[in-house]
């Protein structure tokens, strides 16, 4: 069983955490791009609408990503499970 726990810990630290970080960065970049489009093209209705859409989807992405992170932490606390940390020696 300890082998399975070590494997899961490595998968989380080596794959899942970087993917979450990458998705968070992508959603933030979409949000910032939308703000730029909205401000830079304030006179053009079509570009302003594209910027508003990018802002909306960037925020939705951030809410989903951080919401999932929060739900995972609440579940770990509720079921009294230790958070998965980086294995010693790696």
PDB file of N, CA and C in Angstrom:
ATOM      1  N   UNK A   1       0.814  -1.185   0.000  1.00  0.00           N
ATOM      2  CA  UNK A   1       0.000   0.000   0.000  1.00  0.00           C
ATOM      3  C   UNK A   1       0.860   1.251   0.000  1.00  0.00           C
ATOM      4  N   UNK A   2       2.001   1.176   0.641  1.00  0.00           N
ATOM      5  CA  UNK A   2       2.889   2.338   0.712  1.00  0.00           C
ATOM      6  C   UNK A   2       3.412   2.697  -0.683  1.00  0.00           C
ATOM      7  N   UNK A   3       3.583   1.671  -1.518  1.00  0.00           N
ATOM      8  CA  UNK A   3       4.052   1.915  -2.884  1.00  0.00           C
ATOM      9  C   UNK A   3       3.002   2.710  -3.663  1.00  0.00           C
ATOM     10  N   UNK A   4       1.742   2.365  -3.480  1.00  0.00           N
ATOM     11  CA  UNK A   4       0.659   3.078  -4.145  1.00  0.00           C
ATOM     12  C   UNK A   4       0.592   4.526  -3.665  1.00  0.00           C
ATOM     13  N   UNK A   5       0.750   4.741  -2.376  1.00  0.00           N
ATOM     14  CA  UNK A   5       0.723   6.097  -1.835  1.00  0.00           C
ATOM     15  C   UNK A   5       1.870   6.933  -2.386  1.00  0.00           C
ATOM     16  N   UNK A   6       3.040   6.344  -2.480  1.00  0.00           N
ATOM     17  CA  UNK A   6       4.200   7.062  -3.048  1.00  0.00           C
ATOM     18  C   UNK A   6       3.958   7.375  -4.523  1.00  0.00           C
ATOM     19  N   UNK A   7       3.385   6.414  -5.257  1.00  0.00           N
ATOM     20  CA  UNK A   7       3.097   6.638  -6.677  1.00  0.00           C
ATOM     21  C   UNK A   7       2.102   7.777  -6.856  1.00  0.00           C
ATOM     22  N   UNK A   8       1.031   7.768  -6.060  1.00  0.00           N
ATOM     23  CA  UNK A   8       0.021   8.827  -6.157  1.00  0.00           C
ATOM     24  C   UNK A   8       0.632  10.170  -5.782  1.00  0.00           C
ATOM     25  N   UNK A   9       1.469  10.193  -4.757  1.00  0.00           N
ATOM     26  CA  UNK A   9       2.117  11.443  -4.356  1.00  0.00           C
ATOM     27  C   UNK A   9       3.003  11.980  -5.477  1.00  0.00           C
ATOM     28  N   UNK A  10       3.723  11.098  -6.156  1.00  0.00           N
ATOM     29  CA  UNK A  10       4.572  11.540  -7.266  1.00  0.00           C
ATOM     30  C   UNK A  10       3.743  12.031  -8.448  1.00  0.00           C
ATOM     31  N   UNK A  11       2.644  11.353  -8.735  1.00  0.00           N
ATOM     32  CA  UNK A  11       1.776  11.797  -9.827  1.00  0.00           C
ATOM     33  C   UNK A  11       1.224  13.186  -9.529  1.00  0.00           C
ATOM     34  N   UNK A  12       0.800  13.395  -8.310  1.00  0.00           N
ATOM     35  CA  UNK A  12       0.241  14.699  -7.936  1.00  0.00           C
ATOM     36  C   UNK A  12       1.303  15.783  -8.036  1.00  0.00           C
ATOM     37  N   UNK A  13       2.470  15.543  -7.467  1.00  0.00           N
ATOM     38  CA  UNK A  13       3.496  16.589  -7.451  1.00  0.00           C
ATOM     39  C   UNK A  13       4.154  16.795  -8.810  1.00  0.00           C
ATOM     40  N   UNK A  14       4.269  15.755  -9.610  1.00  0.00           N
ATOM     41  CA  UNK A  14       4.977  15.877 -10.880  1.00  0.00           C
ATOM     42  C   UNK A  14       4.066  16.182 -12.066  1.00  0.00           C
ATOM     43  N   UNK A  15       2.778  15.821 -11.989  1.00  0.00           N
ATOM     44  CA  UNK A  15       1.886  15.999 -13.137  1.00  0.00           C
ATOM     45  C   UNK A  15       0.728  16.937 -12.817  1.00  0.00           C
ATOM     46  N   UNK A  16      -0.045  16.630 -11.800  1.00  0.00           N
ATOM     47  CA  UNK A  16      -1.273  17.374 -11.543  1.00  0.00           C
ATOM     48  C   UNK A  16      -0.997  18.808 -11.111  1.00  0.00           C
ATOM     49  N   UNK A  17      -0.089  19.012 -10.168  1.00  0.00           N
ATOM     50  CA  UNK A  17       0.199  20.371  -9.729  1.00  0.00           C
ATOM     51  C   UNK A  17       0.714  21.269 -10.863  1.00  0.00           C
ATOM     52  N   UNK A  18       1.649  20.822 -11.693  1.00  0.00           N
ATOM     53  CA  UNK A  18       2.060  21.682 -12.814  1.00  0.00           C
ATOM     54  C   UNK A  18       0.939  21.939 -13.818  1.00  0.00           C
ATOM     55  N   UNK A  19       0.061  20.960 -14.035  1.00  0.00           N
ATOM     56  CA  UNK A  19      -1.064  21.171 -14.959  1.00  0.00           C
ATOM     57  C   UNK A  19      -2.008  22.237 -14.407  1.00  0.00           C
ATOM     58  N   UNK A  20      -2.287  22.183 -13.111  1.00  0.00           N
ATOM     59  CA  UNK A  20      -3.141  23.196 -12.492  1.00  0.00           C
ATOM     60  C   UNK A  20      -2.495  24.567 -12.605  1.00  0.00           C
ATOM     61  N   UNK A  21      -1.207  24.646 -12.380  1.00  0.00           N
ATOM     62  CA  UNK A  21      -0.489  25.915 -12.508  1.00  0.00           C
ATOM     63  C   UNK A  21      -0.540  26.430 -13.946  1.00  0.00           C
ATOM     64  N   UNK A  22      -0.351  25.554 -14.904  1.00  0.00           N
ATOM     65  CA  UNK A  22      -0.399  25.944 -16.308  1.00  0.00           C
ATOM     66  C   UNK A  22      -1.789  26.429 -16.706  1.00  0.00           C
ATOM     67  N   UNK A  23      -2.827  25.726 -16.282  1.00  0.00           N
ATOM     68  CA  UNK A  23      -4.197  26.142 -16.582  1.00  0.00           C
ATOM     69  C   UNK A  23      -4.531  27.477 -15.924  1.00  0.00           C
ATOM     70  N   UNK A  24      -4.059  27.674 -14.702  1.00  0.00           N
ATOM     71  CA  UNK A  24      -4.284  28.949 -14.016  1.00  0.00           C
ATOM     72  C   UNK A  24      -3.603  30.092 -14.768  1.00  0.00           C
ATOM     73  N   UNK A  25      -2.381  29.867 -15.192  1.00  0.00           N
ATOM     74  CA  UNK A  25      -1.657  30.891 -15.945  1.00  0.00           C
ATOM     75  C   UNK A  25      -2.361  31.190 -17.268  1.00  0.00           C
ATOM     76  N   UNK A  26      -2.841  30.156 -17.941  1.00  0.00           N
ATOM     77  CA  UNK A  26      -3.559  30.355 -19.200  1.00  0.00           C
ATOM     78  C   UNK A  26      -4.828  31.164 -19.018  1.00  0.00           C
ATOM     79  N   UNK A  27      -5.598  30.853 -17.981  1.00  0.00           N
ATOM     80  CA  UNK A  27      -6.831  31.600 -17.712  1.00  0.00           C
ATOM     81  C   UNK A  27      -6.517  33.047 -17.359  1.00  0.00           C
ATOM     82  N   UNK A  28      -5.450  33.270 -16.616  1.00  0.00           N
ATOM     83  CA  UNK A  28      -5.063  34.635 -16.257  1.00  0.00           C
ATOM     84  C   UNK A  28      -4.626  35.422 -17.491  1.00  0.00           C
ATOM     85  N   UNK A  29      -3.899  34.784 -18.388  1.00  0.00           N
ATOM     86  CA  UNK A  29      -3.464  35.446 -19.622  1.00  0.00           C
ATOM     87  C   UNK A  29      -4.666  35.803 -20.489  1.00  0.00           C
ATOM     88  N   UNK A  30      -5.646  34.913 -20.576  1.00  0.00           N
ATOM     89  CA  UNK A  30      -6.868  35.205 -21.331  1.00  0.00           C
ATOM     90  C   UNK A  30      -7.584  36.401 -20.717  1.00  0.00           C
ATOM     91  N   UNK A  31      -7.657  36.448 -19.397  1.00  0.00           N
ATOM     92  CA  UNK A  31      -8.296  37.570 -18.708  1.00  0.00           C
ATOM     93  C   UNK A  31      -7.559  38.878 -19.010  1.00  0.00           C
ATOM     94  N   UNK A  32      -6.237  38.885 -18.881  1.00  0.00           N
ATOM     95  CA  UNK A  32      -5.449  40.096 -19.128  1.00  0.00           C
ATOM     96  C   UNK A  32      -5.575  40.517 -20.580  1.00  0.00           C
ATOM     97  N   UNK A  33      -5.582  39.568 -21.505  1.00  0.00           N
ATOM     98  CA  UNK A  33      -5.747  39.893 -22.925  1.00  0.00           C
ATOM     99  C   UNK A  33      -7.111  40.541 -23.164  1.00  0.00           C
ATOM    100  N   UNK A  34      -8.122  40.044 -22.522  1.00  0.00           N
ATOM    101  CA  UNK A  34      -9.455  40.622 -22.653  1.00  0.00           C
ATOM    102  C   UNK A  34      -9.507  42.047 -22.130  1.00  0.00           C
ATOM    103  N   UNK A  35      -8.852  42.302 -21.006  1.00  0.00           N
ATOM    104  CA  UNK A  35      -8.793  43.664 -20.467  1.00  0.00           C
ATOM    105  C   UNK A  35      -8.075  44.584 -21.443  1.00  0.00           C
ATOM    106  N   UNK A  36      -6.978  44.111 -22.008  1.00  0.00           N
ATOM    107  CA  UNK A  36      -6.230  44.907 -22.989  1.00  0.00           C
ATOM    108  C   UNK A  36      -7.096  45.210 -24.211  1.00  0.00           C
ATOM    109  N   UNK A  37      -7.759  44.197 -24.735  1.00  0.00           N
ATOM    110  CA  UNK A  37      -8.624  44.394 -25.907  1.00  0.00           C
ATOM    111  C   UNK A  37      -9.761  45.364 -25.593  1.00  0.00           C
ATOM    112  N   UNK A  38     -10.346  45.235 -24.427  1.00  0.00           N
ATOM    113  CA  UNK A  38     -11.469  46.074 -24.035  1.00  0.00           C
ATOM    114  C   UNK A  38     -11.035  47.545 -23.926  1.00  0.00           C
ATOM    115  N   UNK A  39      -9.870  47.779 -23.351  1.00  0.00           N
ATOM    116  CA  UNK A  39      -9.395  49.157 -23.161  1.00  0.00           C
ATOM    117  C   UNK A  39      -8.802  49.722 -24.440  1.00  0.00           C
ATOM    118  N   UNK A  40      -7.975  48.942 -25.134  1.00  0.00           N
ATOM    119  CA  UNK A  40      -7.269  49.447 -26.313  1.00  0.00           C
ATOM    120  C   UNK A  40      -8.220  49.753 -27.465  1.00  0.00           C
ATOM    121  N   UNK A  41      -9.302  49.022 -27.591  1.00  0.00           N
ATOM    122  CA  UNK A  41     -10.239  49.208 -28.702  1.00  0.00           C
ATOM    123  C   UNK A  41     -11.594  49.664 -28.179  1.00  0.00           C
ATOM    124  N   UNK A  42     -11.568  50.665 -27.306  1.00  0.00           N
ATOM    125  CA  UNK A  42     -12.808  51.135 -26.679  1.00  0.00           C
ATOM    126  C   UNK A  42     -13.778  51.725 -27.700  1.00  0.00           C
ATOM    127  N   UNK A  43     -13.278  52.240 -28.816  1.00  0.00           N
ATOM    128  CA  UNK A  43     -14.149  52.835 -29.825  1.00  0.00           C
ATOM    129  C   UNK A  43     -14.802  51.835 -30.756  1.00  0.00           C
ATOM    130  N   UNK A  44     -14.244  50.637 -30.849  1.00  0.00           N
ATOM    131  CA  UNK A  44     -14.756  49.611 -31.758  1.00  0.00           C
ATOM    132  C   UNK A  44     -15.658  48.649 -30.976  1.00  0.00           C
ATOM    133  N   UNK A  45     -16.925  48.645 -31.308  1.00  0.00           N
ATOM    134  CA  UNK A  45     -17.908  47.836 -30.566  1.00  0.00           C
ATOM    135  C   UNK A  45     -17.585  46.348 -30.667  1.00  0.00           C
ATOM    136  N   UNK A  46     -17.182  45.881 -31.847  1.00  0.00           N
ATOM    137  CA  UNK A  46     -16.901  44.450 -32.037  1.00  0.00           C
ATOM    138  C   UNK A  46     -15.691  44.013 -31.209  1.00  0.00           C
ATOM    139  N   UNK A  47     -14.622  44.792 -31.242  1.00  0.00           N
ATOM    140  CA  UNK A  47     -13.421  44.450 -30.470  1.00  0.00           C
ATOM    141  C   UNK A  47     -13.701  44.540 -28.969  1.00  0.00           C
ATOM    142  N   UNK A  48     -14.496  45.521 -28.569  1.00  0.00           N
ATOM    143  CA  UNK A  48     -14.843  45.661 -27.160  1.00  0.00           C
ATOM    144  C   UNK A  48     -15.638  44.438 -26.689  1.00  0.00           C
ATOM    145  N   UNK A  49     -16.529  43.953 -27.532  1.00  0.00           N
ATOM    146  CA  UNK A  49     -17.306  42.753 -27.188  1.00  0.00           C
ATOM    147  C   UNK A  49     -16.400  41.521 -27.112  1.00  0.00           C
ATOM    148  N   UNK A  50     -15.417  41.428 -28.009  1.00  0.00           N
ATOM    149  CA  UNK A  50     -14.457  40.321 -27.944  1.00  0.00           C
ATOM    150  C   UNK A  50     -13.652  40.387 -26.647  1.00  0.00           C
ATOM    151  N   UNK A  51     -13.251  41.593 -26.250  1.00  0.00           N
ATOM    152  CA  UNK A  51     -12.532  41.765 -24.995  1.00  0.00           C
ATOM    153  C   UNK A  51     -13.381  41.376 -23.805  1.00  0.00           C
ATOM    154  N   UNK A  52     -14.643  41.782 -23.814  1.00  0.00           N
ATOM    155  CA  UNK A  52     -15.563  41.436 -22.724  1.00  0.00           C
ATOM    156  C   UNK A  52     -15.731  39.919 -22.646  1.00  0.00           C
ATOM    157  N   UNK A  53     -15.816  39.271 -23.786  1.00  0.00           N
ATOM    158  CA  UNK A  53     -15.954  37.815 -23.806  1.00  0.00           C
ATOM    159  C   UNK A  53     -14.704  37.132 -23.237  1.00  0.00           C
ATOM    160  N   UNK A  54     -13.530  37.638 -23.604  1.00  0.00           N
ATOM    161  CA  UNK A  54     -12.281  37.060 -23.087  1.00  0.00           C
ATOM    162  C   UNK A  54     -12.177  37.268 -21.579  1.00  0.00           C
ATOM    163  N   UNK A  55     -12.585  38.435 -21.104  1.00  0.00           N
ATOM    164  CA  UNK A  55     -12.581  38.685 -19.658  1.00  0.00           C
ATOM    165  C   UNK A  55     -13.495  37.685 -18.961  1.00  0.00           C
ATOM    166  N   UNK A  56     -14.692  37.508 -19.499  1.00  0.00           N
ATOM    167  CA  UNK A  56     -15.665  36.588 -18.915  1.00  0.00           C
ATOM    168  C   UNK A  56     -15.114  35.174 -18.835  1.00  0.00           C
ATOM    169  N   UNK A  57     -14.584  34.657 -19.942  1.00  0.00           N
ATOM    170  CA  UNK A  57     -14.107  33.272 -19.959  1.00  0.00           C
ATOM    171  C   UNK A  57     -12.842  33.092 -19.129  1.00  0.00           C
ATOM    172  N   UNK A  58     -11.998  34.132 -19.076  1.00  0.00           N
ATOM    173  CA  UNK A  58     -10.826  34.062 -18.203  1.00  0.00           C
ATOM    174  C   UNK A  58     -11.227  33.956 -16.745  1.00  0.00           C
ATOM    175  N   UNK A  59     -12.219  34.750 -16.343  1.00  0.00           N
ATOM    176  CA  UNK A  59     -12.709  34.677 -14.960  1.00  0.00           C
ATOM    177  C   UNK A  59     -13.379  33.344 -14.672  1.00  0.00           C
ATOM    178  N   UNK A  60     -14.160  32.846 -15.611  1.00  0.00           N
ATOM    179  CA  UNK A  60     -14.807  31.534 -15.430  1.00  0.00           C
ATOM    180  C   UNK A  60     -13.740  30.452 -15.245  1.00  0.00           C
ATOM    181  N   UNK A  61     -12.700  30.492 -16.052  1.00  0.00           N
ATOM    182  CA  UNK A  61     -11.617  29.517 -15.919  1.00  0.00           C
ATOM    183  C   UNK A  61     -10.944  29.585 -14.562  1.00  0.00           C
ATOM    184  N   UNK A  62     -10.665  30.804 -14.089  1.00  0.00           N
ATOM    185  CA  UNK A  62     -10.032  30.963 -12.782  1.00  0.00           C
ATOM    186  C   UNK A  62     -10.941  30.472 -11.656  1.00  0.00           C
ATOM    187  N   UNK A  63     -12.217  30.777 -11.740  1.00  0.00           N
ATOM    188  CA  UNK A  63     -13.158  30.330 -10.707  1.00  0.00           C
ATOM    189  C   UNK A  63     -13.222  28.801 -10.676  1.00  0.00           C
ATOM    190  N   UNK A  64     -13.282  28.175 -11.827  1.00  0.00           N
ATOM    191  CA  UNK A  64     -13.348  26.708 -11.880  1.00  0.00           C
ATOM    192  C   UNK A  64     -12.072  26.084 -11.312  1.00  0.00           C
ATOM    193  N   UNK A  65     -10.925  26.606 -11.714  1.00  0.00           N
ATOM    194  CA  UNK A  65      -9.656  26.032 -11.264  1.00  0.00           C
ATOM    195  C   UNK A  65      -9.490  26.185  -9.759  1.00  0.00           C
ATOM    196  N   UNK A  66      -9.704  27.400  -9.248  1.00  0.00           N
ATOM    197  CA  UNK A  66      -9.516  27.611  -7.816  1.00  0.00           C
ATOM    198  C   UNK A  66     -10.648  27.001  -7.000  1.00  0.00           C
ATOM    199  N   UNK A  67     -11.830  26.893  -7.579  1.00  0.00           N
ATOM    200  CA  UNK A  67     -12.926  26.205  -6.909  1.00  0.00           C
ATOM    201  C   UNK A  67     -12.625  24.729  -6.735  1.00  0.00           C
ATOM    202  N   UNK A  68     -12.106  24.107  -7.759  1.00  0.00           N
ATOM    203  CA  UNK A  68     -11.742  22.689  -7.666  1.00  0.00           C
ATOM    204  C   UNK A  68     -10.646  22.490  -6.623  1.00  0.00           C
ATOM    205  N   UNK A  69      -9.681  23.391  -6.604  1.00  0.00           N
ATOM    206  CA  UNK A  69      -8.604  23.316  -5.619  1.00  0.00           C
ATOM    207  C   UNK A  69      -9.180  23.430  -4.206  1.00  0.00           C
ATOM    208  N   UNK A  70     -10.110  24.356  -4.009  1.00  0.00           N
ATOM    209  CA  UNK A  70     -10.744  24.520  -2.703  1.00  0.00           C
ATOM    210  C   UNK A  70     -11.572  23.318  -2.300  1.00  0.00           C
ATOM    211  N   UNK A  71     -12.323  22.759  -3.237  1.00  0.00           N
ATOM    212  CA  UNK A  71     -13.136  21.579  -2.943  1.00  0.00           C
ATOM    213  C   UNK A  71     -12.252  20.395  -2.549  1.00  0.00           C
ATOM    214  N   UNK A  72     -11.142  20.235  -3.222  1.00  0.00           N
ATOM    215  CA  UNK A  72     -10.217  19.149  -2.872  1.00  0.00           C
ATOM    216  C   UNK A  72      -9.688  19.341  -1.456  1.00  0.00           C
ATOM    217  N   UNK A  73      -9.311  20.578  -1.120  1.00  0.00           N
ATOM    218  CA  UNK A  73      -8.803  20.827   0.232  1.00  0.00           C
ATOM    219  C   UNK A  73      -9.883  20.640   1.292  1.00  0.00           C
ATOM    220  N   UNK A  74     -11.115  21.039   1.007  1.00  0.00           N
ATOM    221  CA  UNK A  74     -12.217  20.828   1.952  1.00  0.00           C
ATOM    222  C   UNK A  74     -12.454  19.329   2.142  1.00  0.00           C
ATOM    223  N   UNK A  75     -12.432  18.570   1.050  1.00  0.00           N
ATOM    224  CA  UNK A  75     -12.633  17.120   1.152  1.00  0.00           C
ATOM    225  C   UNK A  75     -11.514  16.476   1.966  1.00  0.00           C
ATOM    226  N   UNK A  76     -10.281  16.907   1.753  1.00  0.00           N
ATOM    227  CA  UNK A  76      -9.173  16.349   2.530  1.00  0.00           C
ATOM    228  C   UNK A  76      -9.344  16.651   4.012  1.00  0.00           C
ATOM    229  N   UNK A  77      -9.785  17.874   4.332  1.00  0.00           N
ATOM    230  CA  UNK A  77      -9.997  18.233   5.732  1.00  0.00           C
ATOM    231  C   UNK A  77     -11.182  17.515   6.345  1.00  0.00           C
ATOM    232  N   UNK A  78     -12.247  17.350   5.580  1.00  0.00           N
ATOM    233  CA  UNK A  78     -13.451  16.704   6.084  1.00  0.00           C
ATOM    234  C   UNK A  78     -13.208  15.236   6.428  1.00  0.00           C
ATOM    235  N   UNK A  79     -12.505  14.549   5.562  1.00  0.00           N
ATOM    236  CA  UNK A  79     -12.263  13.128   5.768  1.00  0.00           C
ATOM    237  C   UNK A  79     -10.974  12.862   6.526  1.00  0.00           C
ATOM    238  N   UNK A  80     -10.401  13.927   7.093  1.00  0.00           N
ATOM    239  CA  UNK A  80      -9.193  13.826   7.913  1.00  0.00           C
ATOM    240  C   UNK A  80      -8.050  13.121   7.182  1.00  0.00           C
ATOM    241  N   UNK A  81      -7.877  13.449   5.927  1.00  0.00           N
ATOM    242  CA  UNK A  81      -6.787  12.891   5.138  1.00  0.00           C
ATOM    243  C   UNK A  81      -5.648  13.895   5.112  1.00  0.00           C
ATOM    244  N   UNK A  82      -4.452  13.397   5.176  1.00  0.00           N
ATOM    245  CA  UNK A  82      -3.290  14.283   5.119  1.00  0.00           C
ATOM    246  C   UNK A  82      -3.122  14.779   3.689  1.00  0.00           C
ATOM    247  N   UNK A  83      -2.805  16.056   3.527  1.00  0.00           N
ATOM    248  CA  UNK A  83      -2.553  16.532   2.168  1.00  0.00           C
ATOM    249  C   UNK A  83      -1.346  15.824   1.574  1.00  0.00           C
ATOM    250  N   UNK A  84      -1.418  15.593   0.292  1.00  0.00           N
ATOM    251  CA  UNK A  84      -0.311  14.900  -0.376  1.00  0.00           C
ATOM    252  C   UNK A  84       0.825  15.887  -0.531  1.00  0.00           C
ATOM    253  N   UNK A  85       1.981  15.533   0.023  1.00  0.00           N
ATOM    254  CA  UNK A  85       3.139  16.396  -0.041  1.00  0.00           C
ATOM    255  C   UNK A  85       4.212  15.715  -0.872  1.00  0.00           C
ATOM    256  N   UNK A  86       5.224  16.492  -1.193  1.00  0.00           N
ATOM    257  CA  UNK A  86       6.332  15.946  -1.966  1.00  0.00           C
ATOM    258  C   UNK A  86       7.020  14.853  -1.143  1.00  0.00           C
ATOM    259  N   UNK A  87       7.236  13.687  -1.743  1.00  0.00           N
ATOM    260  CA  UNK A  87       7.877  12.602  -1.000  1.00  0.00           C
ATOM    261  C   UNK A  87       9.289  12.978  -0.567  1.00  0.00           C
ATOM    262  N   UNK A  88       9.696  12.479   0.582  1.00  0.00           N
ATOM    263  CA  UNK A  88      11.037  12.751   1.075  1.00  0.00           C
ATOM    264  C   UNK A  88      12.063  12.125   0.142  1.00  0.00           C
ATOM    265  N   UNK A  89      13.125  12.844  -0.105  1.00  0.00           N
ATOM    266  CA  UNK A  89      14.186  12.335  -0.959  1.00  0.00           C
ATOM    267  C   UNK A  89      13.984  12.601  -2.427  1.00  0.00           C
ATOM    268  N   UNK A  90      12.964  13.376  -2.826  1.00  0.00           N
ATOM    269  CA  UNK A  90      12.779  13.668  -4.246  1.00  0.00           C
ATOM    270  C   UNK A  90      12.970  15.124  -4.501  1.00  0.00           C
TER     271      UNK A  90
END
